[in-house]
Amino acid sequence: MPAMPHTQRDHLRAMVAQHGIVRAQELRKAGIAGTTIQRALEDGELVRIGRGLYQDSRSDIDTDQTLAEVAKRVPKGVIAMISALAFHGLTDQMPRRVWVAIGPSDWSPVPAYPPTRIVRFTEKYLRQGTEHHKIAGVDVPIYSAAKTLADLFRNGRLVDRSVAVEGLRAAIEQRKATPAQIAEAARSGGAWRIMRPYLEALTFNG
């Protein structure tokens, strides 16, 4: 059984080692004083990666780290839409904001950093197709490739249709999801009527 941390600094190190990225609020709830955090920053042991977000200075920087930061700031959210599409490598677009889906009555935070685009899904759509990926030590919920495509086609007013079509083509070419999986996600995700002609054209002509 591992020894329990004795000092606030030990406790701070243990929390950072366990969670990868920690929020100031989490540290305060754990009884770690602001002076302890400040000393760790001054000593170069801890780095501030955003307002109220901290990480071990020795940690490798993940290219998807902003997704982990948003997951910490929006704990009920799921990385969605173009951000999920980019995570799966299905678009060349680099979204300027992180798209995150929350429920219809969930609190909507407005973090200054990273820039965030909140979309609200009904409970039915919010819970479908969620995967969990470890990024910078953080468990980040991200919609699957097939689910993401369904969301893009269903929400044509939020994202240009060409983005959804290119993502669909890339998913088939890269085999990130089979046509059957994509069709099933579209049916359950309320997008089959819109997506069907595109999927059939790409499948039959591919």
Protein backbone atom coordinates (compact mmCIF):
# COMPACT_ATOMS: atom_id res chain seq x y z
CA MET A 1 0.00 0.00 0.00
CA PRO A 2 1.58 3.34 -1.07
CA ALA A 3 2.44 5.84 1.66
CA MET A 4 0.08 8.76 2.07
CA PRO A 5 1.50 12.22 1.28
CA HIS A 6 2.63 14.01 4.44
CA THR A 7 2.79 17.65 3.39
CA GLN A 8 0.66 19.87 1.17
CA ARG A 9 3.47 19.85 -1.40
CA ASP A 10 3.48 16.04 -1.38
CA HIS A 11 -0.29 16.05 -1.77
CA LEU A 12 0.01 18.49 -4.67
CA ARG A 13 2.57 16.25 -6.42
CA ALA A 14 0.36 13.21 -5.90
CA MET A 15 -2.70 14.92 -7.38
CA VAL A 16 -0.79 16.20 -10.42
CA ALA A 17 0.74 12.75 -10.98
CA GLN A 18 -2.69 11.12 -10.79
CA HIS A 19 -4.75 13.56 -12.89
CA GLY A 20 -2.22 15.09 -15.31
CA ILE A 21 -4.00 18.44 -15.39
CA VAL A 22 -5.57 19.84 -12.21
CA ARG A 23 -7.92 22.74 -11.58
CA ALA A 24 -7.28 25.28 -8.85
CA GLN A 25 -10.73 24.47 -7.48
CA GLU A 26 -9.79 20.79 -7.14
CA LEU A 27 -6.62 21.70 -5.28
CA ARG A 28 -8.46 24.00 -2.89
CA LYS A 29 -11.04 21.30 -2.15
CA ALA A 30 -8.17 18.95 -1.33
CA GLY A 31 -6.89 21.42 1.26
CA ILE A 32 -3.90 22.68 -0.71
CA ALA A 33 -3.24 26.36 -0.02
CA GLY A 34 -2.60 28.96 -2.68
CA THR A 35 0.84 29.60 -1.21
CA THR A 36 1.78 25.96 -1.81
CA ILE A 37 0.70 26.23 -5.45
CA GLN A 38 2.59 29.51 -5.85
CA ARG A 39 5.80 28.02 -4.43
CA ALA A 40 5.53 25.04 -6.79
CA LEU A 41 5.15 27.50 -9.69
CA GLU A 42 8.13 29.58 -8.55
CA ASP A 43 10.26 26.46 -8.15
CA GLY A 44 9.44 25.35 -11.68
CA GLU A 45 7.78 22.17 -10.52
CA LEU A 46 4.35 23.26 -11.72
CA VAL A 47 3.27 25.28 -14.76
CA ARG A 48 0.10 27.25 -15.29
CA ILE A 49 -1.34 26.23 -18.67
CA GLY A 50 -4.45 28.37 -18.42
CA ARG A 51 -6.47 30.32 -15.93
CA GLY A 52 -6.89 28.03 -12.93
CA LEU A 53 -5.29 25.03 -14.69
CA TYR A 54 -1.97 23.49 -13.70
CA GLN A 55 0.30 20.72 -14.98
CA ASP A 56 3.60 19.09 -14.02
CA SER A 57 6.38 21.03 -15.74
CA ARG A 58 8.03 17.77 -16.81
CA SER A 59 4.95 16.49 -18.65
CA ASP A 60 5.10 16.04 -22.40
CA ILE A 61 2.84 18.46 -24.27
CA ASP A 62 0.16 16.57 -26.16
CA THR A 63 -1.00 18.06 -29.46
CA ASP A 64 -4.58 17.49 -28.29
CA GLN A 65 -3.97 19.05 -24.87
CA THR A 66 -6.56 21.79 -25.36
CA LEU A 67 -9.18 19.03 -25.47
CA ALA A 68 -8.00 17.84 -22.06
CA GLU A 69 -8.12 21.40 -20.72
CA VAL A 70 -11.70 21.82 -21.92
CA ALA A 71 -12.64 18.45 -20.42
CA LYS A 72 -11.43 19.74 -17.05
CA ARG A 73 -13.32 23.02 -17.40
CA VAL A 74 -16.54 21.44 -18.73
CA PRO A 75 -16.74 18.15 -16.81
CA LYS A 76 -20.20 17.23 -18.18
CA GLY A 77 -19.25 17.97 -21.77
CA VAL A 78 -18.23 15.75 -24.69
CA ILE A 79 -15.80 16.89 -27.41
CA ALA A 80 -17.97 17.19 -30.52
CA MET A 81 -18.48 18.40 -34.08
CA ILE A 82 -15.38 19.78 -35.87
CA SER A 83 -13.13 19.25 -32.83
CA ALA A 84 -14.06 15.56 -32.72
CA LEU A 85 -13.67 15.35 -36.51
CA ALA A 86 -10.16 16.83 -36.23
CA PHE A 87 -9.26 14.48 -33.36
CA HIS A 88 -10.14 11.50 -35.57
CA GLY A 89 -8.04 12.93 -38.41
CA LEU A 90 -11.01 13.43 -40.73
CA THR A 91 -10.54 17.11 -41.58
CA ASP A 92 -7.68 19.47 -42.39
CA GLN A 93 -9.51 22.25 -40.59
CA MET A 94 -7.98 23.36 -37.31
CA PRO A 95 -10.94 24.72 -35.34
CA ARG A 96 -10.20 28.01 -33.60
CA ARG A 97 -12.46 26.93 -30.76
CA VAL A 98 -13.01 23.61 -29.07
CA TRP A 99 -16.51 22.33 -29.78
CA VAL A 100 -18.09 20.66 -26.77
CA ALA A 101 -21.60 19.27 -26.38
CA ILE A 102 -23.58 19.56 -23.15
CA GLY A 103 -27.16 18.76 -22.14
CA PRO A 104 -30.10 21.11 -22.62
CA SER A 105 -30.11 22.23 -18.97
CA ASP A 106 -26.42 21.86 -18.10
CA TRP A 107 -24.55 24.93 -16.86
CA SER A 108 -22.68 26.57 -19.73
CA PRO A 109 -19.25 27.84 -18.62
CA VAL A 110 -17.53 30.57 -20.62
CA PRO A 111 -13.82 29.87 -20.23
CA ALA A 112 -11.47 32.55 -21.51
CA TYR A 113 -9.03 29.84 -22.50
CA PRO A 114 -9.14 27.60 -24.40
CA PRO A 115 -11.74 29.30 -26.65
CA THR A 116 -14.81 27.07 -26.51
CA ARG A 117 -17.95 26.63 -28.64
CA ILE A 118 -20.81 25.14 -26.64
CA VAL A 119 -23.53 23.16 -28.44
CA ARG A 120 -26.56 21.73 -26.66
CA PHE A 121 -27.77 18.22 -27.46
CA THR A 122 -30.87 16.54 -26.12
CA GLU A 123 -30.17 13.69 -23.70
CA LYS A 124 -30.90 11.17 -26.48
CA TYR A 125 -28.11 12.52 -28.70
CA LEU A 126 -25.78 13.53 -25.87
CA ARG A 127 -25.25 9.97 -24.62
CA GLN A 128 -24.74 8.26 -27.97
CA GLY A 129 -21.37 7.18 -29.32
CA THR A 130 -19.09 8.52 -26.58
CA GLU A 131 -15.52 7.23 -26.47
CA HIS A 132 -12.97 7.95 -23.73
CA HIS A 133 -9.41 8.86 -24.62
CA LYS A 134 -6.48 9.56 -22.29
CA ILE A 135 -4.92 12.91 -23.20
CA ALA A 136 -2.24 14.52 -21.03
CA GLY A 137 -3.29 12.19 -18.22
CA VAL A 138 -6.93 13.30 -18.43
CA ASP A 139 -9.88 11.08 -19.35
CA VAL A 140 -11.48 12.99 -22.24
CA PRO A 141 -14.93 12.02 -23.59
CA ILE A 142 -15.01 12.38 -27.39
CA TYR A 143 -17.69 11.31 -29.83
CA SER A 144 -16.80 8.43 -32.16
CA ALA A 145 -16.12 9.13 -35.82
CA ALA A 146 -19.50 7.71 -36.90
CA LYS A 147 -21.42 9.64 -34.24
CA THR A 148 -19.57 12.85 -35.14
CA LEU A 149 -20.57 12.51 -38.78
CA ALA A 150 -24.22 12.07 -37.79
CA ASP A 151 -24.04 15.23 -35.65
CA LEU A 152 -22.48 17.23 -38.49
CA PHE A 153 -25.14 16.20 -40.99
CA ARG A 154 -27.95 16.78 -38.46
CA ASN A 155 -26.70 20.25 -37.52
CA GLY A 156 -26.23 21.75 -40.96
CA ARG A 157 -26.96 25.24 -39.67
CA LEU A 158 -23.89 25.13 -37.44
CA VAL A 159 -21.35 23.64 -39.86
CA ASP A 160 -21.16 23.87 -43.64
CA ARG A 161 -22.36 20.69 -45.35
CA SER A 162 -19.09 20.42 -47.31
CA VAL A 163 -17.23 19.77 -44.05
CA ALA A 164 -19.55 16.89 -43.23
CA VAL A 165 -19.25 15.40 -46.73
CA GLU A 166 -15.45 15.61 -46.72
CA GLY A 167 -15.39 14.04 -43.26
CA LEU A 168 -17.62 11.25 -44.50
CA ARG A 169 -15.36 10.60 -47.48
CA ALA A 170 -12.26 10.60 -45.26
CA ALA A 171 -13.84 8.21 -42.75
CA ILE A 172 -14.58 5.69 -45.50
CA GLU A 173 -11.20 6.06 -47.21
CA GLN A 174 -9.26 5.82 -43.93
CA ARG A 175 -11.54 3.06 -42.62
CA LYS A 176 -12.20 4.96 -39.40
CA ALA A 177 -15.73 3.53 -39.54
CA THR A 178 -17.49 1.13 -41.87
CA PRO A 179 -20.43 2.28 -44.02
CA ALA A 180 -22.68 0.07 -41.86
CA GLN A 181 -21.46 1.75 -38.66
CA ILE A 182 -21.90 5.19 -40.18
CA ALA A 183 -25.41 4.34 -41.38
CA GLU A 184 -26.40 3.00 -37.96
CA ALA A 185 -25.09 6.12 -36.22
CA ALA A 186 -26.97 8.29 -38.72
CA ARG A 187 -30.22 6.41 -38.12
CA SER A 188 -29.98 6.63 -34.33
CA GLY A 189 -28.62 10.16 -34.55
CA GLY A 190 -31.47 11.62 -36.59
CA ALA A 191 -29.36 12.24 -39.70
CA TRP A 192 -30.08 9.29 -41.99
CA ARG A 193 -32.45 11.09 -44.36
CA ILE A 194 -29.87 13.83 -44.96
CA MET A 195 -26.76 11.64 -45.04
CA ARG A 196 -28.10 8.68 -47.03
CA PRO A 197 -27.61 10.02 -50.59
CA TYR A 198 -24.01 11.08 -49.80
CA LEU A 199 -23.14 7.77 -48.14
CA GLU A 200 -24.68 5.75 -50.99
CA ALA A 201 -22.87 7.81 -53.64
CA LEU A 202 -19.50 7.43 -51.91
CA THR A 203 -20.02 3.73 -51.26
CA PHE A 204 -21.28 2.79 -54.71
CA ASN A 205 -18.75 4.97 -56.53
CA GLY A 206 -15.85 4.13 -54.26
